Amino acid sequence: MNSFQRILLLSLAALLPLFVQGQNESVSLHEQDDSIAAAHAFKGSQLIVPGVLITAGVSGFFEPVKTWKETVRDNIREMNDNPITAEDYVQYMPAAGVLLTNLLMPDDTYALKDRILLLGTSYALMGATVNALKYTVISPRPDIYDEYAYYGNPRNLTPKDNPHCFNSFPSGHTATAFMGAELARLEYGDDYPLIAVGAYALAAGTGFLRVWNERHWCTDVLAGAGMGILSARIAWWLLPYERQLLDRICHKEIAVCPRTNGYQTELAFSVSF
């Protein structure tokens, strides 16, 4: 290695710590304070509403609620001359509104990365639980239930060959909508209650349309709402710990120590978490 190469290598080694420090500062999360930790503290009373909704949803598999949900389906079928499939899009509006509100009304409490953490964790929890039940619990959808249960199953529908006809419980659309609505309430409900009311109105509309279009029983919708709310609240409780974890990852210390004996130059790297 000639003198020019050694000088160039040593110069790059001297500049590297400055570059690493700049990168750490740009990606690190803002410091967690006591007020944030208190706001995200677990409270047992917060399990009541989702617990009641999920229990009500499960009751649809047993009498007399099972007969009642069929009666509700029959009454809606008599009124429904015009299916409305907007719920495929409306289900995402509450969660999208959480991110959009951050852009329109930025504040010093929750950064955009915190909201992404909340949405990501909520959606992962909700998706895992909802899909685990959908493909474990055999529940015929309302639109095929009569031919399957009462008319001899003329199309030979089976859970194995037609899984989408038998995964009615719980409602994934409703879970997605209520997850977003609960996040909107948790973040903005105190200061901007109309945002929470609007988000919950969209979520309720999503659940109604799933029943109106005979894609879900009313009890499926209740269970989905409970799971969506519960997923959002668990993500809310976990946020301080996720912030701490990311803060440790993003604030790792990197040291670069160049060494030379006049003929050879080496770089020693040290990383501390």
C-alpha atoms as a PDB file:
ATOM      1  CA  MET A   1       0.000   0.000   0.000  1.00  0.00           C
ATOM      2  CA  ASN A   2       1.526   3.357  -1.055  1.00  0.00           C
ATOM      3  CA  SER A   3       1.498   6.581   0.983  1.00  0.00           C
ATOM      4  CA  PHE A   4      -1.492   8.068  -0.870  1.00  0.00           C
ATOM      5  CA  GLN A   5      -3.635   4.982  -0.208  1.00  0.00           C
ATOM      6  CA  ARG A   6      -2.727   5.009   3.498  1.00  0.00           C
ATOM      7  CA  ILE A   7      -3.600   8.704   3.807  1.00  0.00           C
ATOM      8  CA  LEU A   8      -6.918   8.178   2.005  1.00  0.00           C
ATOM      9  CA  LEU A   9      -7.843   5.210   4.198  1.00  0.00           C
ATOM     10  CA  LEU A  10      -6.972   7.068   7.400  1.00  0.00           C
ATOM     11  CA  SER A  11      -9.006  10.086   6.266  1.00  0.00           C
ATOM     12  CA  LEU A  12     -12.070   7.949   5.594  1.00  0.00           C
ATOM     13  CA  ALA A  13     -11.650   6.257   8.961  1.00  0.00           C
ATOM     14  CA  ALA A  14     -11.568   9.632  10.684  1.00  0.00           C
ATOM     15  CA  LEU A  15     -14.770  10.774   8.947  1.00  0.00           C
ATOM     16  CA  LEU A  16     -16.695   7.535   9.499  1.00  0.00           C
ATOM     17  CA  PRO A  17     -17.668   8.223  13.161  1.00  0.00           C
ATOM     18  CA  LEU A  18     -19.170  11.572  12.126  1.00  0.00           C
ATOM     19  CA  PHE A  19     -21.248   9.868   9.472  1.00  0.00           C
ATOM     20  CA  VAL A  20     -22.450   7.175  11.879  1.00  0.00           C
ATOM     21  CA  GLN A  21     -23.353   9.780  14.489  1.00  0.00           C
ATOM     22  CA  GLY A  22     -25.402  11.713  11.913  1.00  0.00           C
ATOM     23  CA  GLN A  23     -27.246   8.562  10.883  1.00  0.00           C
ATOM     24  CA  ASN A  24     -28.090   7.688  14.505  1.00  0.00           C
ATOM     25  CA  GLU A  25     -29.429  11.171  15.173  1.00  0.00           C
ATOM     26  CA  SER A  26     -31.647  11.065  12.087  1.00  0.00           C
ATOM     27  CA  VAL A  27     -33.353   7.767  12.877  1.00  0.00           C
ATOM     28  CA  SER A  28     -33.551   7.793  16.656  1.00  0.00           C
ATOM     29  CA  LEU A  29     -36.969   8.028  18.316  1.00  0.00           C
ATOM     30  CA  HIS A  30     -37.743  10.963  20.565  1.00  0.00           C
ATOM     31  CA  GLU A  31     -37.234  10.266  24.244  1.00  0.00           C
ATOM     32  CA  GLN A  32     -40.028   8.638  26.194  1.00  0.00           C
ATOM     33  CA  ASP A  33     -41.264  10.644  29.165  1.00  0.00           C
ATOM     34  CA  ASP A  34     -43.391   9.825  32.187  1.00  0.00           C
ATOM     35  CA  SER A  35     -46.604  11.225  30.717  1.00  0.00           C
ATOM     36  CA  ILE A  36     -46.406   8.938  27.675  1.00  0.00           C
ATOM     37  CA  ALA A  37     -45.708   5.900  29.849  1.00  0.00           C
ATOM     38  CA  ALA A  38     -48.660   6.745  32.100  1.00  0.00           C
ATOM     39  CA  ALA A  39     -51.001   7.229  29.136  1.00  0.00           C
ATOM     40  CA  HIS A  40     -50.125   3.760  27.852  1.00  0.00           C
ATOM     41  CA  ALA A  41     -50.338   1.946  31.183  1.00  0.00           C
ATOM     42  CA  PHE A  42     -52.381  -1.245  31.262  1.00  0.00           C
ATOM     43  CA  LYS A  43     -55.764  -1.071  32.996  1.00  0.00           C
ATOM     44  CA  GLY A  44     -57.884  -4.138  33.545  1.00  0.00           C
ATOM     45  CA  SER A  45     -61.080  -2.174  32.955  1.00  0.00           C
ATOM     46  CA  GLN A  46     -60.023  -1.673  29.345  1.00  0.00           C
ATOM     47  CA  LEU A  47     -60.669  -5.369  28.722  1.00  0.00           C
ATOM     48  CA  ILE A  48     -64.367  -5.126  29.545  1.00  0.00           C
ATOM     49  CA  VAL A  49     -65.737  -3.762  26.264  1.00  0.00           C
ATOM     50  CA  PRO A  50     -63.784  -6.048  23.895  1.00  0.00           C
ATOM     51  CA  GLY A  51     -64.412  -8.984  26.219  1.00  0.00           C
ATOM     52  CA  VAL A  52     -68.174  -8.414  26.149  1.00  0.00           C
ATOM     53  CA  LEU A  53     -68.204  -8.044  22.361  1.00  0.00           C
ATOM     54  CA  ILE A  54     -66.159 -11.201  21.775  1.00  0.00           C
ATOM     55  CA  THR A  55     -68.303 -13.165  24.221  1.00  0.00           C
ATOM     56  CA  ALA A  56     -71.452 -11.955  22.458  1.00  0.00           C
ATOM     57  CA  GLY A  57     -69.953 -13.075  19.158  1.00  0.00           C
ATOM     58  CA  VAL A  58     -69.143 -16.553  20.455  1.00  0.00           C
ATOM     59  CA  SER A  59     -72.688 -16.896  21.805  1.00  0.00           C
ATOM     60  CA  GLY A  60     -73.893 -17.040  18.202  1.00  0.00           C
ATOM     61  CA  PHE A  61     -72.887 -20.691  18.064  1.00  0.00           C
ATOM     62  CA  PHE A  62     -75.344 -21.610  20.823  1.00  0.00           C
ATOM     63  CA  GLU A  63     -79.090 -21.426  21.308  1.00  0.00           C
ATOM     64  CA  PRO A  64     -81.080 -19.233  21.595  1.00  0.00           C
ATOM     65  CA  VAL A  65     -78.691 -16.721  20.012  1.00  0.00           C
ATOM     66  CA  LYS A  66     -78.092 -19.036  17.049  1.00  0.00           C
ATOM     67  CA  THR A  67     -81.787 -18.945  16.107  1.00  0.00           C
ATOM     68  CA  TRP A  68     -81.910 -15.195  16.724  1.00  0.00           C
ATOM     69  CA  LYS A  69     -79.033 -14.450  14.350  1.00  0.00           C
ATOM     70  CA  GLU A  70     -80.785 -16.480  11.626  1.00  0.00           C
ATOM     71  CA  THR A  71     -83.923 -14.444  12.185  1.00  0.00           C
ATOM     72  CA  VAL A  72     -81.950 -11.226  11.836  1.00  0.00           C
ATOM     73  CA  ARG A  73     -80.453 -12.527   8.582  1.00  0.00           C
ATOM     74  CA  ASP A  74     -83.907 -13.445   7.233  1.00  0.00           C
ATOM     75  CA  ASN A  75     -85.342 -10.020   8.048  1.00  0.00           C
ATOM     76  CA  ILE A  76     -82.446  -8.257   6.358  1.00  0.00           C
ATOM     77  CA  ARG A  77     -82.771 -10.509   3.314  1.00  0.00           C
ATOM     78  CA  GLU A  78     -86.379  -9.371   2.874  1.00  0.00           C
ATOM     79  CA  MET A  79     -85.318  -5.709   2.891  1.00  0.00           C
ATOM     80  CA  ASN A  80     -82.136  -5.989   0.868  1.00  0.00           C
ATOM     81  CA  ASP A  81     -82.855  -5.367  -2.805  1.00  0.00           C
ATOM     82  CA  ASN A  82     -79.605  -3.558  -3.501  1.00  0.00           C
ATOM     83  CA  PRO A  83     -76.332  -4.893  -2.015  1.00  0.00           C
ATOM     84  CA  ILE A  84     -73.713  -2.244  -1.225  1.00  0.00           C
ATOM     85  CA  THR A  85     -70.118  -3.479  -1.258  1.00  0.00           C
ATOM     86  CA  ALA A  86     -68.379  -0.291  -0.115  1.00  0.00           C
ATOM     87  CA  GLU A  87     -67.088  -2.011   3.024  1.00  0.00           C
ATOM     88  CA  ASP A  88     -64.133  -3.381   1.062  1.00  0.00           C
ATOM     89  CA  TYR A  89     -62.796   0.182   1.085  1.00  0.00           C
ATOM     90  CA  VAL A  90     -64.474   1.729   4.126  1.00  0.00           C
ATOM     91  CA  GLN A  91     -62.799  -0.777   6.462  1.00  0.00           C
ATOM     92  CA  TYR A  92     -59.438   0.940   5.967  1.00  0.00           C
ATOM     93  CA  MET A  93     -60.637   4.515   6.368  1.00  0.00           C
ATOM     94  CA  PRO A  94     -60.364   4.775  10.193  1.00  0.00           C
ATOM     95  CA  ALA A  95     -56.740   3.571  10.163  1.00  0.00           C
ATOM     96  CA  ALA A  96     -55.901   5.781   7.185  1.00  0.00           C
ATOM     97  CA  GLY A  97     -57.472   8.682   9.034  1.00  0.00           C
ATOM     98  CA  VAL A  98     -55.052   8.184  11.935  1.00  0.00           C
ATOM     99  CA  LEU A  99     -52.080   8.737   9.611  1.00  0.00           C
ATOM    100  CA  LEU A 100     -53.782  11.536   7.671  1.00  0.00           C
ATOM    101  CA  THR A 101     -54.616  13.418  10.865  1.00  0.00           C
ATOM    102  CA  ASN A 102     -50.954  13.261  11.826  1.00  0.00           C
ATOM    103  CA  LEU A 103     -50.063  15.070   8.607  1.00  0.00           C
ATOM    104  CA  LEU A 104     -52.808  17.682   8.966  1.00  0.00           C
ATOM    105  CA  MET A 105     -52.422  18.310  12.691  1.00  0.00           C
ATOM    106  CA  PRO A 106     -48.845  17.448  13.724  1.00  0.00           C
ATOM    107  CA  ASP A 107     -48.186  17.591  17.460  1.00  0.00           C
ATOM    108  CA  ASP A 108     -45.336  16.992  19.876  1.00  0.00           C
ATOM    109  CA  THR A 109     -46.823  13.921  21.552  1.00  0.00           C
ATOM    110  CA  TYR A 110     -46.821  11.210  18.897  1.00  0.00           C
ATOM    111  CA  ALA A 111     -44.549  11.231  15.883  1.00  0.00           C
ATOM    112  CA  LEU A 112     -45.502   9.605  12.592  1.00  0.00           C
ATOM    113  CA  LYS A 113     -43.172   6.683  13.372  1.00  0.00           C
ATOM    114  CA  ASP A 114     -45.089   6.061  16.597  1.00  0.00           C
ATOM    115  CA  ARG A 115     -48.355   5.865  14.694  1.00  0.00           C
ATOM    116  CA  ILE A 116     -46.795   3.476  12.210  1.00  0.00           C
ATOM    117  CA  LEU A 117     -45.669   1.334  15.134  1.00  0.00           C
ATOM    118  CA  LEU A 118     -49.190   1.391  16.574  1.00  0.00           C
ATOM    119  CA  LEU A 119     -50.825   0.517  13.270  1.00  0.00           C
ATOM    120  CA  GLY A 120     -48.286  -2.183  12.438  1.00  0.00           C
ATOM    121  CA  THR A 121     -48.534  -3.891  15.820  1.00  0.00           C
ATOM    122  CA  SER A 122     -52.323  -3.601  15.902  1.00  0.00           C
ATOM    123  CA  TYR A 123     -52.722  -5.029  12.425  1.00  0.00           C
ATOM    124  CA  ALA A 124     -50.312  -7.888  13.114  1.00  0.00           C
ATOM    125  CA  LEU A 125     -52.177  -8.872  16.293  1.00  0.00           C
ATOM    126  CA  MET A 126     -55.592  -8.486  14.706  1.00  0.00           C
ATOM    127  CA  GLY A 127     -54.626 -10.368  11.537  1.00  0.00           C
ATOM    128  CA  ALA A 128     -53.067 -13.250  13.448  1.00  0.00           C
ATOM    129  CA  THR A 129     -56.025 -13.796  15.787  1.00  0.00           C
ATOM    130  CA  VAL A 130     -58.756 -13.254  13.205  1.00  0.00           C
ATOM    131  CA  ASN A 131     -57.214 -15.538  10.593  1.00  0.00           C
ATOM    132  CA  ALA A 132     -56.376 -18.205  13.163  1.00  0.00           C
ATOM    133  CA  LEU A 133     -60.074 -18.365  14.070  1.00  0.00           C
ATOM    134  CA  LYS A 134     -61.309 -18.077  10.493  1.00  0.00           C
ATOM    135  CA  TYR A 135     -59.433 -21.165   9.409  1.00  0.00           C
ATOM    136  CA  THR A 136     -60.008 -23.119  12.597  1.00  0.00           C
ATOM    137  CA  VAL A 137     -63.689 -22.520  13.380  1.00  0.00           C
ATOM    138  CA  ILE A 138     -66.070 -23.909  10.748  1.00  0.00           C
ATOM    139  CA  SER A 139     -68.802 -21.293  10.330  1.00  0.00           C
ATOM    140  CA  PRO A 140     -70.847 -21.215   7.083  1.00  0.00           C
ATOM    141  CA  ARG A 141     -71.489 -17.745   5.744  1.00  0.00           C
ATOM    142  CA  PRO A 142     -75.090 -16.505   5.803  1.00  0.00           C
ATOM    143  CA  ASP A 143     -75.483 -16.503   2.017  1.00  0.00           C
ATOM    144  CA  ILE A 144     -74.806 -20.259   1.711  1.00  0.00           C
ATOM    145  CA  TYR A 145     -76.042 -21.433   5.090  1.00  0.00           C
ATOM    146  CA  ASP A 146     -79.556 -22.505   4.061  1.00  0.00           C
ATOM    147  CA  GLU A 147     -78.509 -24.674   1.130  1.00  0.00           C
ATOM    148  CA  TYR A 148     -75.765 -26.231   3.237  1.00  0.00           C
ATOM    149  CA  ALA A 149     -77.809 -26.841   6.398  1.00  0.00           C
ATOM    150  CA  TYR A 150     -81.385 -27.286   5.132  1.00  0.00           C
ATOM    151  CA  TYR A 151     -81.430 -28.133   1.405  1.00  0.00           C
ATOM    152  CA  GLY A 152     -79.072 -31.071   1.137  1.00  0.00           C
ATOM    153  CA  ASN A 153     -75.992 -29.094   0.102  1.00  0.00           C
ATOM    154  CA  PRO A 154     -76.675 -29.394  -3.683  1.00  0.00           C
ATOM    155  CA  ARG A 155     -73.324 -27.856  -4.658  1.00  0.00           C
ATOM    156  CA  ASN A 156     -71.405 -30.189  -2.346  1.00  0.00           C
ATOM    157  CA  LEU A 157     -69.724 -27.340  -0.534  1.00  0.00           C
ATOM    158  CA  THR A 158     -67.095 -28.440   1.984  1.00  0.00           C
ATOM    159  CA  PRO A 159     -64.776 -26.523   4.322  1.00  0.00           C
ATOM    160  CA  LYS A 160     -61.783 -28.163   2.665  1.00  0.00           C
ATOM    161  CA  ASP A 161     -62.682 -27.361  -0.946  1.00  0.00           C
ATOM    162  CA  ASN A 162     -64.548 -24.085  -0.316  1.00  0.00           C
ATOM    163  CA  PRO A 163     -62.824 -22.500   2.694  1.00  0.00           C
ATOM    164  CA  HIS A 164     -64.121 -18.996   1.939  1.00  0.00           C
ATOM    165  CA  CYS A 165     -67.676 -20.239   2.347  1.00  0.00           C
ATOM    166  CA  PHE A 166     -66.985 -21.527   5.863  1.00  0.00           C
ATOM    167  CA  ASN A 167     -64.808 -18.844   7.474  1.00  0.00           C
ATOM    168  CA  SER A 168     -67.546 -16.470   8.552  1.00  0.00           C
ATOM    169  CA  PHE A 169     -66.357 -16.149  12.163  1.00  0.00           C
ATOM    170  CA  PRO A 170     -65.165 -13.543  12.953  1.00  0.00           C
ATOM    171  CA  SER A 171     -65.572 -10.600  10.561  1.00  0.00           C
ATOM    172  CA  GLY A 172     -62.160  -9.478   9.360  1.00  0.00           C
ATOM    173  CA  HIS A 173     -63.520  -6.323   7.710  1.00  0.00           C
ATOM    174  CA  THR A 174     -65.136  -5.282  10.983  1.00  0.00           C
ATOM    175  CA  ALA A 175     -62.018  -6.084  12.995  1.00  0.00           C
ATOM    176  CA  THR A 176     -59.912  -3.922  10.678  1.00  0.00           C
ATOM    177  CA  ALA A 177     -62.354  -1.013  10.885  1.00  0.00           C
ATOM    178  CA  PHE A 178     -62.728  -1.097  14.675  1.00  0.00           C
ATOM    179  CA  MET A 179     -58.980  -1.452  15.137  1.00  0.00           C
ATOM    180  CA  GLY A 180     -58.493   1.831  13.295  1.00  0.00           C
ATOM    181  CA  ALA A 181     -61.409   3.471  15.100  1.00  0.00           C
ATOM    182  CA  GLU A 182     -60.037   2.540  18.519  1.00  0.00           C
ATOM    183  CA  LEU A 183     -56.603   3.899  17.634  1.00  0.00           C
ATOM    184  CA  ALA A 184     -58.273   7.155  16.566  1.00  0.00           C
ATOM    185  CA  ARG A 185     -60.131   7.303  19.882  1.00  0.00           C
ATOM    186  CA  LEU A 186     -57.024   6.560  21.935  1.00  0.00           C
ATOM    187  CA  GLU A 187     -54.938   9.190  20.173  1.00  0.00           C
ATOM    188  CA  TYR A 188     -57.452  11.954  19.462  1.00  0.00           C
ATOM    189  CA  GLY A 189     -60.531  11.217  21.555  1.00  0.00           C
ATOM    190  CA  ASP A 190     -59.692  13.611  24.385  1.00  0.00           C
ATOM    191  CA  ASP A 191     -58.739  16.629  22.294  1.00  0.00           C
ATOM    192  CA  TYR A 192     -60.739  15.985  19.117  1.00  0.00           C
ATOM    193  CA  PRO A 193     -63.760  13.825  20.023  1.00  0.00           C
ATOM    194  CA  LEU A 194     -65.379  14.294  16.615  1.00  0.00           C
ATOM    195  CA  ILE A 195     -62.494  12.396  15.024  1.00  0.00           C
ATOM    196  CA  ALA A 196     -63.167   9.416  17.287  1.00  0.00           C
ATOM    197  CA  VAL A 197     -66.930   9.636  16.653  1.00  0.00           C
ATOM    198  CA  GLY A 198     -66.386   9.732  12.893  1.00  0.00           C
ATOM    199  CA  ALA A 199     -63.976   6.795  12.987  1.00  0.00           C
ATOM    200  CA  TYR A 200     -66.398   4.697  15.013  1.00  0.00           C
ATOM    201  CA  ALA A 201     -69.257   5.647  12.688  1.00  0.00           C
ATOM    202  CA  LEU A 202     -67.244   4.310   9.743  1.00  0.00           C
ATOM    203  CA  ALA A 203     -66.421   1.149  11.680  1.00  0.00           C
ATOM    204  CA  ALA A 204     -70.071   0.591  12.602  1.00  0.00           C
ATOM    205  CA  GLY A 205     -71.041   1.169   8.973  1.00  0.00           C
ATOM    206  CA  THR A 206     -68.527  -1.453   7.879  1.00  0.00           C
ATOM    207  CA  GLY A 207     -70.017  -4.000  10.263  1.00  0.00           C
ATOM    208  CA  PHE A 208     -73.562  -3.169   9.145  1.00  0.00           C
ATOM    209  CA  LEU A 209     -72.683  -3.620   5.468  1.00  0.00           C
ATOM    210  CA  ARG A 210     -71.133  -7.029   6.142  1.00  0.00           C
ATOM    211  CA  VAL A 211     -74.453  -8.144   7.627  1.00  0.00           C
ATOM    212  CA  TRP A 212     -76.507  -6.318   4.977  1.00  0.00           C
ATOM    213  CA  ASN A 213     -74.625  -8.097   2.191  1.00  0.00           C
ATOM    214  CA  GLU A 214     -75.034 -11.487   3.925  1.00  0.00           C
ATOM    215  CA  ARG A 215     -71.296 -11.980   4.210  1.00  0.00           C
ATOM    216  CA  HIS A 216     -71.407 -12.257   7.994  1.00  0.00           C
ATOM    217  CA  TRP A 217     -73.787 -12.993  10.815  1.00  0.00           C
ATOM    218  CA  CYS A 218     -74.405 -10.156  13.237  1.00  0.00           C
ATOM    219  CA  THR A 219     -72.537 -12.120  15.913  1.00  0.00           C
ATOM    220  CA  ASP A 220     -69.496 -12.387  13.596  1.00  0.00           C
ATOM    221  CA  VAL A 221     -69.484  -8.608  13.443  1.00  0.00           C
ATOM    222  CA  LEU A 222     -69.653  -8.267  17.231  1.00  0.00           C
ATOM    223  CA  ALA A 223     -66.694 -10.621  17.663  1.00  0.00           C
ATOM    224  CA  GLY A 224     -64.716  -8.823  14.947  1.00  0.00           C
ATOM    225  CA  ALA A 225     -65.346  -5.466  16.608  1.00  0.00           C
ATOM    226  CA  GLY A 226     -64.111  -6.805  19.940  1.00  0.00           C
ATOM    227  CA  MET A 227     -60.959  -8.273  18.405  1.00  0.00           C
ATOM    228  CA  GLY A 228     -60.195  -5.067  16.551  1.00  0.00           C
ATOM    229  CA  ILE A 229     -60.569  -2.967  19.695  1.00  0.00           C
ATOM    230  CA  LEU A 230     -58.517  -5.404  21.764  1.00  0.00           C
ATOM    231  CA  SER A 231     -55.703  -5.495  19.188  1.00  0.00           C
ATOM    232  CA  ALA A 232     -55.504  -1.695  19.183  1.00  0.00           C
ATOM    233  CA  ARG A 233     -55.406  -1.551  22.974  1.00  0.00           C
ATOM    234  CA  ILE A 234     -52.661  -4.187  23.227  1.00  0.00           C
ATOM    235  CA  ALA A 235     -50.590  -2.240  20.691  1.00  0.00           C
ATOM    236  CA  TRP A 236     -51.237   0.898  22.748  1.00  0.00           C
ATOM    237  CA  TRP A 237     -49.914  -0.809  25.897  1.00  0.00           C
ATOM    238  CA  LEU A 238     -46.858  -2.127  24.039  1.00  0.00           C
ATOM    239  CA  LEU A 239     -45.843   1.165  22.417  1.00  0.00           C
ATOM    240  CA  PRO A 240     -43.542   2.420  25.247  1.00  0.00           C
ATOM    241  CA  TYR A 241     -41.624  -0.865  25.206  1.00  0.00           C
ATOM    242  CA  GLU A 242     -41.338  -0.862  21.416  1.00  0.00           C
ATOM    243  CA  ARG A 243     -40.023   2.701  21.538  1.00  0.00           C
ATOM    244  CA  GLN A 244     -37.387   1.700  24.084  1.00  0.00           C
ATOM    245  CA  LEU A 245     -36.338  -1.249  21.934  1.00  0.00           C
ATOM    246  CA  LEU A 246     -36.016   0.862  18.802  1.00  0.00           C
ATOM    247  CA  ASP A 247     -34.197   3.546  20.743  1.00  0.00           C
ATOM    248  CA  ARG A 248     -31.588   1.014  21.867  1.00  0.00           C
ATOM    249  CA  ILE A 249     -31.192  -0.337  18.352  1.00  0.00           C
ATOM    250  CA  CYS A 250     -30.884   3.108  16.776  1.00  0.00           C
ATOM    251  CA  HIS A 251     -28.518   4.475  19.433  1.00  0.00           C
ATOM    252  CA  LYS A 252     -25.818   1.846  19.183  1.00  0.00           C
ATOM    253  CA  GLU A 253     -22.265   3.159  19.532  1.00  0.00           C
ATOM    254  CA  ILE A 254     -19.802   2.442  16.752  1.00  0.00           C
ATOM    255  CA  ALA A 255     -16.071   3.013  17.176  1.00  0.00           C
ATOM    256  CA  VAL A 256     -13.483   2.803  14.390  1.00  0.00           C
ATOM    257  CA  CYS A 257      -9.810   2.486  15.359  1.00  0.00           C
ATOM    258  CA  PRO A 258      -7.234   2.664  12.505  1.00  0.00           C
ATOM    259  CA  ARG A 259      -3.829   1.047  13.061  1.00  0.00           C
ATOM    260  CA  THR A 260      -0.696   1.119  10.913  1.00  0.00           C
ATOM    261  CA  ASN A 261       2.900  -0.026  11.193  1.00  0.00           C
ATOM    262  CA  GLY A 262       4.091   2.089   8.283  1.00  0.00           C
ATOM    263  CA  TYR A 263       3.561  -0.682   5.771  1.00  0.00           C
ATOM    264  CA  GLN A 264       0.068  -1.992   6.494  1.00  0.00           C
ATOM    265  CA  THR A 265      -3.079  -0.284   7.756  1.00  0.00           C
ATOM    266  CA  GLU A 266      -5.981  -1.990   9.562  1.00  0.00           C
ATOM    267  CA  LEU A 267      -9.383  -0.823  10.775  1.00  0.00           C
ATOM    268  CA  ALA A 268     -10.894  -2.230  13.989  1.00  0.00           C
ATOM    269  CA  PHE A 269     -14.670  -1.878  14.428  1.00  0.00           C
ATOM    270  CA  SER A 270     -16.452  -1.973  17.782  1.00  0.00           C
ATOM    271  CA  VAL A 271     -20.259  -1.910  18.113  1.00  0.00           C
ATOM    272  CA  SER A 272     -21.989  -1.387  21.495  1.00  0.00           C
ATOM    273  CA  PHE A 273     -25.768  -1.739  21.941  1.00  0.00           C
END
